[in-house]
């Protein structure tokens, strides 16, 4: 990740003043008006990736579009689709034709490989909403 990342960020309130130092580079959804929460469920639309590292503050910066760093829970190759798990971490997904199950909130496309869980990589974000922001597939 030798080059600068760029994108569109907004400031939102944080859900229950969670510790944004552990939420940094995790996927977020809108839990209520103007309030970001680290992804903790399926079936909600990704709004972006938390950029802050300030613990227990009342607001955080959320990257909506562009490129972002993302904490990974999986390995991947550059070009793989990246989705969020229920902890807001990135997982690589293998797309499938199954349209009835396994809908994962789409974050973007890996711009570099990830060799180990817990690694932070660069992801090219694909903004989405609702079903248009989900992919069907199998986590690896």
N, C-alpha and C. Protein backbone atom coordinates (compact mmCIF):
# COMPACT_ATOMS: atom_id res chain seq x y z
N UNK A 1 0.83 -1.16 0.00
CA UNK A 1 0.00 0.00 0.00
C UNK A 1 0.88 1.23 0.00
N UNK A 2 1.69 1.39 -1.00
CA UNK A 2 2.65 2.46 -1.02
C UNK A 2 2.12 3.80 -1.51
N UNK A 3 0.91 3.86 -2.00
CA UNK A 3 0.39 5.12 -2.52
C UNK A 3 -0.71 5.65 -1.61
N UNK A 4 -1.02 6.92 -1.78
CA UNK A 4 -2.05 7.52 -0.95
C UNK A 4 -3.44 7.04 -1.33
N UNK A 5 -4.29 6.89 -0.34
CA UNK A 5 -5.68 6.51 -0.58
C UNK A 5 -6.52 7.77 -0.66
N UNK A 6 -7.57 7.75 -1.46
CA UNK A 6 -8.43 8.92 -1.56
C UNK A 6 -9.88 8.48 -1.65
N UNK A 7 -10.75 9.37 -1.20
CA UNK A 7 -12.16 9.05 -1.25
C UNK A 7 -13.00 10.15 -0.66
N UNK A 8 -14.28 9.86 -0.52
CA UNK A 8 -15.23 10.79 0.05
C UNK A 8 -15.57 10.32 1.46
N UNK A 9 -15.30 11.16 2.46
CA UNK A 9 -15.59 10.85 3.86
C UNK A 9 -16.67 11.78 4.37
N UNK A 10 -17.48 11.27 5.32
CA UNK A 10 -18.43 12.11 6.04
C UNK A 10 -18.27 11.85 7.53
N UNK A 11 -18.70 12.79 8.34
CA UNK A 11 -18.66 12.62 9.78
C UNK A 11 -20.05 12.21 10.26
N UNK A 12 -20.10 11.13 11.04
CA UNK A 12 -21.36 10.64 11.60
C UNK A 12 -21.21 10.43 13.09
N UNK A 13 -22.33 10.42 13.80
CA UNK A 13 -22.31 10.05 15.21
C UNK A 13 -21.97 8.57 15.31
N UNK A 14 -21.44 8.16 16.44
CA UNK A 14 -21.13 6.75 16.64
C UNK A 14 -22.18 6.11 17.53
N UNK A 15 -22.48 4.87 17.26
CA UNK A 15 -23.46 4.11 18.02
C UNK A 15 -22.91 3.83 19.41
N UNK A 16 -23.55 4.33 20.44
CA UNK A 16 -23.15 4.10 21.84
C UNK A 16 -21.69 4.39 22.11
N UNK A 17 -21.11 5.35 21.38
CA UNK A 17 -19.71 5.74 21.58
C UNK A 17 -18.78 4.51 21.65
N UNK A 18 -18.96 3.57 20.71
CA UNK A 18 -18.07 2.41 20.68
C UNK A 18 -16.64 2.88 20.50
N UNK A 19 -15.72 2.04 20.85
CA UNK A 19 -14.30 2.37 20.77
C UNK A 19 -13.87 2.36 19.31
N UNK A 20 -13.77 3.55 18.70
CA UNK A 20 -13.42 3.61 17.28
C UNK A 20 -11.99 3.19 17.00
N UNK A 21 -11.16 3.06 18.04
CA UNK A 21 -9.79 2.59 17.79
C UNK A 21 -9.80 1.12 17.38
N UNK A 22 -10.76 0.34 17.84
CA UNK A 22 -10.86 -1.05 17.41
C UNK A 22 -11.76 -1.18 16.18
N UNK A 23 -12.52 -0.14 15.88
CA UNK A 23 -13.42 -0.18 14.73
C UNK A 23 -12.75 0.39 13.48
N UNK A 24 -11.58 0.97 13.64
CA UNK A 24 -10.89 1.58 12.50
C UNK A 24 -10.71 0.56 11.38
N UNK A 25 -11.06 0.98 10.18
CA UNK A 25 -10.98 0.16 8.96
C UNK A 25 -11.92 -1.04 8.99
N UNK A 26 -13.04 -0.91 9.70
CA UNK A 26 -14.11 -1.91 9.69
C UNK A 26 -15.33 -1.31 8.98
N UNK A 27 -16.16 -2.18 8.44
CA UNK A 27 -17.34 -1.79 7.68
C UNK A 27 -18.43 -1.28 8.62
N UNK A 28 -19.15 -0.26 8.17
CA UNK A 28 -20.22 0.33 8.97
C UNK A 28 -21.53 0.36 8.20
N UNK A 29 -22.63 0.40 8.98
CA UNK A 29 -23.95 0.64 8.40
C UNK A 29 -24.61 1.76 9.20
N UNK A 30 -25.69 2.29 8.67
CA UNK A 30 -26.41 3.38 9.32
C UNK A 30 -27.43 2.78 10.27
N UNK A 31 -27.20 2.90 11.60
CA UNK A 31 -28.10 2.27 12.57
C UNK A 31 -29.31 3.14 12.89
N UNK A 32 -29.18 4.44 12.74
CA UNK A 32 -30.28 5.40 12.86
C UNK A 32 -29.81 6.69 12.19
N UNK A 33 -30.63 7.71 12.22
CA UNK A 33 -30.29 8.95 11.51
C UNK A 33 -28.92 9.47 11.92
N UNK A 34 -28.05 9.66 10.95
CA UNK A 34 -26.71 10.23 11.15
C UNK A 34 -25.84 9.43 12.12
N UNK A 35 -26.09 8.13 12.27
CA UNK A 35 -25.36 7.32 13.25
C UNK A 35 -24.78 6.07 12.60
N UNK A 36 -23.45 5.95 12.66
CA UNK A 36 -22.75 4.79 12.09
C UNK A 36 -22.55 3.73 13.16
N UNK A 37 -22.65 2.47 12.75
CA UNK A 37 -22.39 1.35 13.65
C UNK A 37 -21.58 0.31 12.89
N UNK A 38 -20.63 -0.31 13.57
CA UNK A 38 -19.86 -1.39 12.96
C UNK A 38 -20.82 -2.51 12.58
N UNK A 39 -20.65 -3.04 11.38
CA UNK A 39 -21.51 -4.11 10.88
C UNK A 39 -21.59 -5.23 11.93
N UNK A 40 -22.81 -5.61 12.30
CA UNK A 40 -22.98 -6.69 13.27
C UNK A 40 -24.11 -7.63 12.88
N UNK A 41 -24.61 -7.49 11.66
CA UNK A 41 -25.71 -8.30 11.20
C UNK A 41 -25.70 -8.35 9.67
N UNK A 42 -26.39 -9.29 9.09
CA UNK A 42 -26.58 -9.33 7.64
C UNK A 42 -27.92 -8.66 7.33
N UNK A 43 -28.14 -8.32 6.10
CA UNK A 43 -29.41 -7.75 5.69
C UNK A 43 -29.50 -6.24 5.82
N UNK A 44 -28.39 -5.59 6.11
CA UNK A 44 -28.36 -4.13 6.15
C UNK A 44 -27.37 -3.65 5.10
N UNK A 45 -27.57 -2.44 4.62
CA UNK A 45 -26.72 -1.90 3.56
C UNK A 45 -25.44 -1.30 4.13
N UNK A 46 -24.33 -1.61 3.51
CA UNK A 46 -23.05 -1.00 3.86
C UNK A 46 -23.11 0.47 3.49
N UNK A 47 -22.67 1.36 4.42
CA UNK A 47 -22.56 2.77 4.05
C UNK A 47 -21.11 3.15 3.80
N UNK A 48 -20.17 2.42 4.40
CA UNK A 48 -18.78 2.75 4.20
C UNK A 48 -17.87 2.06 5.19
N UNK A 49 -16.66 2.60 5.32
CA UNK A 49 -15.64 2.03 6.19
C UNK A 49 -15.16 3.12 7.15
N UNK A 50 -15.14 2.81 8.44
CA UNK A 50 -14.72 3.76 9.47
C UNK A 50 -13.23 4.05 9.32
N UNK A 51 -12.86 5.34 9.37
CA UNK A 51 -11.49 5.76 9.17
C UNK A 51 -10.79 6.21 10.45
N UNK A 52 -11.53 6.51 11.49
CA UNK A 52 -10.97 7.08 12.72
C UNK A 52 -10.19 6.09 13.56
N UNK A 53 -9.39 6.65 14.46
CA UNK A 53 -8.69 5.84 15.46
C UNK A 53 -8.83 6.46 16.84
N UNK A 54 -9.75 7.39 17.01
CA UNK A 54 -9.94 8.05 18.30
C UNK A 54 -10.88 7.24 19.18
N UNK A 55 -10.41 6.79 20.35
CA UNK A 55 -11.26 5.95 21.20
C UNK A 55 -12.38 6.74 21.86
N UNK A 56 -13.55 6.11 21.93
CA UNK A 56 -14.71 6.59 22.67
C UNK A 56 -15.10 8.03 22.39
N UNK A 57 -15.14 8.38 21.13
CA UNK A 57 -15.59 9.72 20.75
C UNK A 57 -17.05 9.64 20.34
N UNK A 58 -17.66 10.78 20.15
CA UNK A 58 -19.07 10.80 19.79
C UNK A 58 -19.28 10.85 18.28
N UNK A 59 -18.20 10.94 17.50
CA UNK A 59 -18.34 10.94 16.05
C UNK A 59 -17.17 10.22 15.40
N UNK A 60 -17.38 9.87 14.15
CA UNK A 60 -16.31 9.19 13.40
C UNK A 60 -16.40 9.58 11.94
N UNK A 61 -15.28 9.46 11.22
CA UNK A 61 -15.26 9.67 9.78
C UNK A 61 -15.52 8.32 9.10
N UNK A 62 -16.42 8.34 8.14
CA UNK A 62 -16.77 7.13 7.39
C UNK A 62 -16.49 7.38 5.92
N UNK A 63 -15.66 6.52 5.31
CA UNK A 63 -15.35 6.61 3.88
C UNK A 63 -16.52 6.01 3.12
N UNK A 64 -17.13 6.83 2.25
CA UNK A 64 -18.29 6.40 1.47
C UNK A 64 -17.92 5.83 0.10
N UNK A 65 -16.88 6.39 -0.50
CA UNK A 65 -16.50 5.98 -1.86
C UNK A 65 -15.03 6.26 -2.07
N UNK A 66 -14.45 5.59 -3.05
CA UNK A 66 -13.03 5.76 -3.35
C UNK A 66 -12.26 4.51 -2.98
N UNK A 67 -11.07 4.71 -2.43
CA UNK A 67 -10.28 3.58 -1.95
C UNK A 67 -10.15 3.71 -0.44
N UNK A 68 -10.06 2.57 0.23
CA UNK A 68 -9.98 2.56 1.68
C UNK A 68 -9.10 1.42 2.15
N UNK A 69 -8.60 1.55 3.35
CA UNK A 69 -7.98 0.42 4.02
C UNK A 69 -9.10 -0.39 4.65
N UNK A 70 -8.94 -1.71 4.73
CA UNK A 70 -9.95 -2.58 5.33
C UNK A 70 -9.27 -3.71 6.08
N UNK A 71 -9.70 -3.92 7.32
CA UNK A 71 -9.19 -5.02 8.14
C UNK A 71 -9.81 -6.30 7.63
N UNK A 72 -8.95 -7.28 7.29
CA UNK A 72 -9.43 -8.52 6.66
C UNK A 72 -9.52 -9.68 7.65
N UNK A 73 -10.56 -10.47 7.49
CA UNK A 73 -10.78 -11.69 8.26
C UNK A 73 -10.48 -12.92 7.40
N UNK A 74 -9.88 -12.71 6.24
CA UNK A 74 -9.71 -13.78 5.26
C UNK A 74 -8.52 -13.45 4.37
N UNK A 75 -8.05 -14.41 3.63
CA UNK A 75 -7.04 -14.16 2.62
C UNK A 75 -7.75 -13.86 1.29
N UNK A 76 -7.04 -13.19 0.38
CA UNK A 76 -7.63 -12.89 -0.92
C UNK A 76 -6.53 -12.55 -1.91
N UNK A 77 -6.91 -12.45 -3.16
CA UNK A 77 -6.02 -12.00 -4.22
C UNK A 77 -6.52 -10.66 -4.73
N UNK A 78 -5.65 -9.89 -5.35
CA UNK A 78 -6.08 -8.65 -5.98
C UNK A 78 -7.15 -8.98 -7.01
N UNK A 79 -8.22 -8.21 -7.03
CA UNK A 79 -9.32 -8.44 -7.96
C UNK A 79 -10.47 -9.23 -7.38
N UNK A 80 -10.31 -9.82 -6.19
CA UNK A 80 -11.39 -10.58 -5.56
C UNK A 80 -12.46 -9.63 -5.02
N UNK A 81 -13.72 -10.08 -5.05
CA UNK A 81 -14.80 -9.34 -4.41
C UNK A 81 -14.66 -9.47 -2.90
N UNK A 82 -14.85 -8.35 -2.20
CA UNK A 82 -14.74 -8.33 -0.74
C UNK A 82 -16.09 -7.93 -0.16
N UNK A 83 -16.55 -8.73 0.81
CA UNK A 83 -17.80 -8.48 1.51
C UNK A 83 -17.51 -8.28 2.99
N UNK A 84 -18.52 -7.87 3.74
CA UNK A 84 -18.37 -7.71 5.18
C UNK A 84 -18.93 -8.93 5.90
N UNK A 85 -18.24 -9.33 6.99
CA UNK A 85 -18.81 -10.34 7.86
C UNK A 85 -19.60 -9.63 8.96
N UNK A 86 -20.12 -10.37 9.93
CA UNK A 86 -20.95 -9.76 10.96
C UNK A 86 -20.13 -9.03 12.03
N UNK A 87 -18.82 -8.93 11.86
CA UNK A 87 -17.98 -8.15 12.77
C UNK A 87 -17.40 -6.93 12.06
N UNK A 88 -17.82 -6.69 10.82
CA UNK A 88 -17.34 -5.54 10.08
C UNK A 88 -16.00 -5.73 9.40
N UNK A 89 -15.47 -6.94 9.42
CA UNK A 89 -14.19 -7.24 8.77
C UNK A 89 -14.44 -7.75 7.35
N UNK A 90 -13.42 -7.64 6.50
CA UNK A 90 -13.54 -8.07 5.13
C UNK A 90 -13.36 -9.57 4.97
N UNK A 91 -14.15 -10.16 4.07
CA UNK A 91 -14.03 -11.56 3.68
C UNK A 91 -14.07 -11.63 2.16
N UNK A 92 -13.31 -12.54 1.58
CA UNK A 92 -13.38 -12.77 0.14
C UNK A 92 -14.58 -13.67 -0.12
N UNK A 93 -15.28 -13.41 -1.21
CA UNK A 93 -16.45 -14.21 -1.54
C UNK A 93 -16.29 -14.77 -2.95
N UNK A 94 -16.69 -16.03 -3.11
CA UNK A 94 -16.75 -16.67 -4.42
C UNK A 94 -18.19 -16.56 -4.90
N UNK A 95 -18.40 -15.90 -6.02
CA UNK A 95 -19.76 -15.69 -6.51
C UNK A 95 -20.38 -17.00 -6.96
N UNK A 96 -21.71 -17.11 -6.79
CA UNK A 96 -22.42 -18.31 -7.21
C UNK A 96 -23.79 -17.91 -7.76
N UNK A 97 -24.45 -18.89 -8.36
CA UNK A 97 -25.77 -18.64 -8.95
C UNK A 97 -26.88 -18.80 -7.92
N UNK A 98 -26.57 -19.21 -6.71
CA UNK A 98 -27.58 -19.42 -5.68
C UNK A 98 -28.18 -18.06 -5.30
N UNK A 99 -29.45 -17.85 -5.59
CA UNK A 99 -30.08 -16.56 -5.33
C UNK A 99 -30.94 -16.55 -4.07
N UNK A 100 -31.03 -17.65 -3.35
CA UNK A 100 -31.95 -17.70 -2.20
C UNK A 100 -31.24 -17.59 -0.86
N UNK A 101 -29.95 -17.83 -0.80
CA UNK A 101 -29.24 -17.78 0.47
C UNK A 101 -27.89 -17.10 0.30
N UNK A 102 -27.23 -16.85 1.41
CA UNK A 102 -25.86 -16.35 1.42
C UNK A 102 -25.69 -15.01 0.72
N UNK A 103 -26.51 -14.04 1.10
CA UNK A 103 -26.34 -12.68 0.59
C UNK A 103 -25.43 -11.91 1.53
N UNK A 104 -24.30 -11.45 1.03
CA UNK A 104 -23.32 -10.75 1.85
C UNK A 104 -23.21 -9.30 1.41
N UNK A 105 -23.09 -8.37 2.36
CA UNK A 105 -22.97 -6.95 2.00
C UNK A 105 -21.65 -6.67 1.27
N UNK A 106 -21.75 -6.20 0.05
CA UNK A 106 -20.58 -5.94 -0.79
C UNK A 106 -19.87 -4.67 -0.34
N UNK A 107 -18.55 -4.76 -0.20
CA UNK A 107 -17.73 -3.59 0.14
C UNK A 107 -16.99 -3.09 -1.09
N UNK A 108 -16.35 -4.00 -1.83
CA UNK A 108 -15.59 -3.57 -3.00
C UNK A 108 -14.75 -4.68 -3.58
N UNK A 109 -13.66 -4.27 -4.23
CA UNK A 109 -12.73 -5.20 -4.88
C UNK A 109 -11.35 -4.99 -4.29
N UNK A 110 -10.70 -6.09 -3.92
CA UNK A 110 -9.35 -6.00 -3.36
C UNK A 110 -8.40 -5.43 -4.40
N UNK A 111 -7.63 -4.41 -4.00
CA UNK A 111 -6.65 -3.83 -4.89
C UNK A 111 -5.26 -4.43 -4.66
N UNK A 112 -5.18 -5.32 -3.70
CA UNK A 112 -3.93 -6.03 -3.41
C UNK A 112 -4.28 -7.33 -2.70
N UNK A 113 -3.32 -8.23 -2.67
CA UNK A 113 -3.52 -9.53 -2.04
C UNK A 113 -3.45 -9.41 -0.52
N UNK A 114 -4.11 -10.35 0.15
CA UNK A 114 -4.04 -10.46 1.61
C UNK A 114 -3.61 -11.89 1.93
N UNK A 115 -2.45 -12.04 2.56
CA UNK A 115 -1.90 -13.36 2.82
C UNK A 115 -2.29 -13.93 4.18
N UNK A 116 -2.80 -13.08 5.10
CA UNK A 116 -3.11 -13.56 6.45
C UNK A 116 -4.26 -12.79 7.06
N UNK A 117 -5.06 -13.49 7.86
CA UNK A 117 -6.13 -12.85 8.63
C UNK A 117 -5.53 -11.78 9.53
N UNK A 118 -6.25 -10.66 9.66
CA UNK A 118 -5.77 -9.57 10.50
C UNK A 118 -4.93 -8.56 9.76
N UNK A 119 -4.74 -8.77 8.47
CA UNK A 119 -3.97 -7.85 7.63
C UNK A 119 -4.89 -6.73 7.14
N UNK A 120 -4.36 -5.53 7.02
CA UNK A 120 -5.11 -4.41 6.46
C UNK A 120 -4.68 -4.24 5.02
N UNK A 121 -5.67 -4.23 4.11
CA UNK A 121 -5.38 -4.10 2.68
C UNK A 121 -6.13 -2.90 2.09
N UNK A 122 -5.78 -2.55 0.86
CA UNK A 122 -6.49 -1.51 0.14
C UNK A 122 -7.62 -2.14 -0.67
N UNK A 123 -8.80 -1.52 -0.58
CA UNK A 123 -9.98 -1.99 -1.30
C UNK A 123 -10.55 -0.83 -2.11
N UNK A 124 -10.90 -1.10 -3.36
CA UNK A 124 -11.61 -0.14 -4.19
C UNK A 124 -13.09 -0.32 -3.88
N UNK A 125 -13.70 0.70 -3.30
CA UNK A 125 -15.08 0.58 -2.83
C UNK A 125 -16.07 0.58 -3.98
N UNK A 126 -17.13 -0.20 -3.82
CA UNK A 126 -18.25 -0.23 -4.75
C UNK A 126 -19.48 0.17 -3.94
N UNK A 127 -19.84 1.45 -3.98
CA UNK A 127 -21.00 1.87 -3.19
C UNK A 127 -22.25 1.13 -3.63
N UNK A 128 -23.06 0.74 -2.66
CA UNK A 128 -24.28 0.02 -2.96
C UNK A 128 -25.32 0.26 -1.90
N UNK A 129 -26.53 -0.16 -2.17
CA UNK A 129 -27.61 0.02 -1.23
C UNK A 129 -28.58 -1.15 -1.36
N UNK A 130 -28.99 -1.70 -0.23
CA UNK A 130 -29.97 -2.78 -0.25
C UNK A 130 -29.49 -3.96 -1.07
N UNK A 131 -30.40 -4.56 -1.86
CA UNK A 131 -30.06 -5.73 -2.65
C UNK A 131 -29.01 -5.44 -3.71
N UNK A 132 -28.94 -4.19 -4.20
CA UNK A 132 -27.94 -3.86 -5.20
C UNK A 132 -26.55 -3.84 -4.59
N UNK A 133 -26.47 -3.77 -3.25
CA UNK A 133 -25.18 -3.75 -2.57
C UNK A 133 -24.82 -5.08 -1.97
N UNK A 134 -25.51 -6.15 -2.37
CA UNK A 134 -25.23 -7.48 -1.85
C UNK A 134 -24.78 -8.38 -2.98
N UNK A 135 -23.99 -9.37 -2.63
CA UNK A 135 -23.62 -10.39 -3.61
C UNK A 135 -23.99 -11.75 -3.05
N UNK A 136 -24.20 -12.67 -3.94
CA UNK A 136 -24.54 -14.03 -3.56
C UNK A 136 -23.32 -14.89 -3.79
N UNK A 137 -22.95 -15.65 -2.78
CA UNK A 137 -21.79 -16.49 -2.97
C UNK A 137 -21.45 -17.27 -1.73
N UNK A 138 -20.25 -17.80 -1.74
CA UNK A 138 -19.76 -18.62 -0.64
C UNK A 138 -18.48 -18.02 -0.12
N UNK A 139 -18.42 -17.81 1.20
CA UNK A 139 -17.19 -17.31 1.79
C UNK A 139 -16.13 -18.40 1.73
N UNK A 140 -14.89 -17.99 1.54
CA UNK A 140 -13.81 -18.99 1.46
C UNK A 140 -13.18 -19.21 2.81
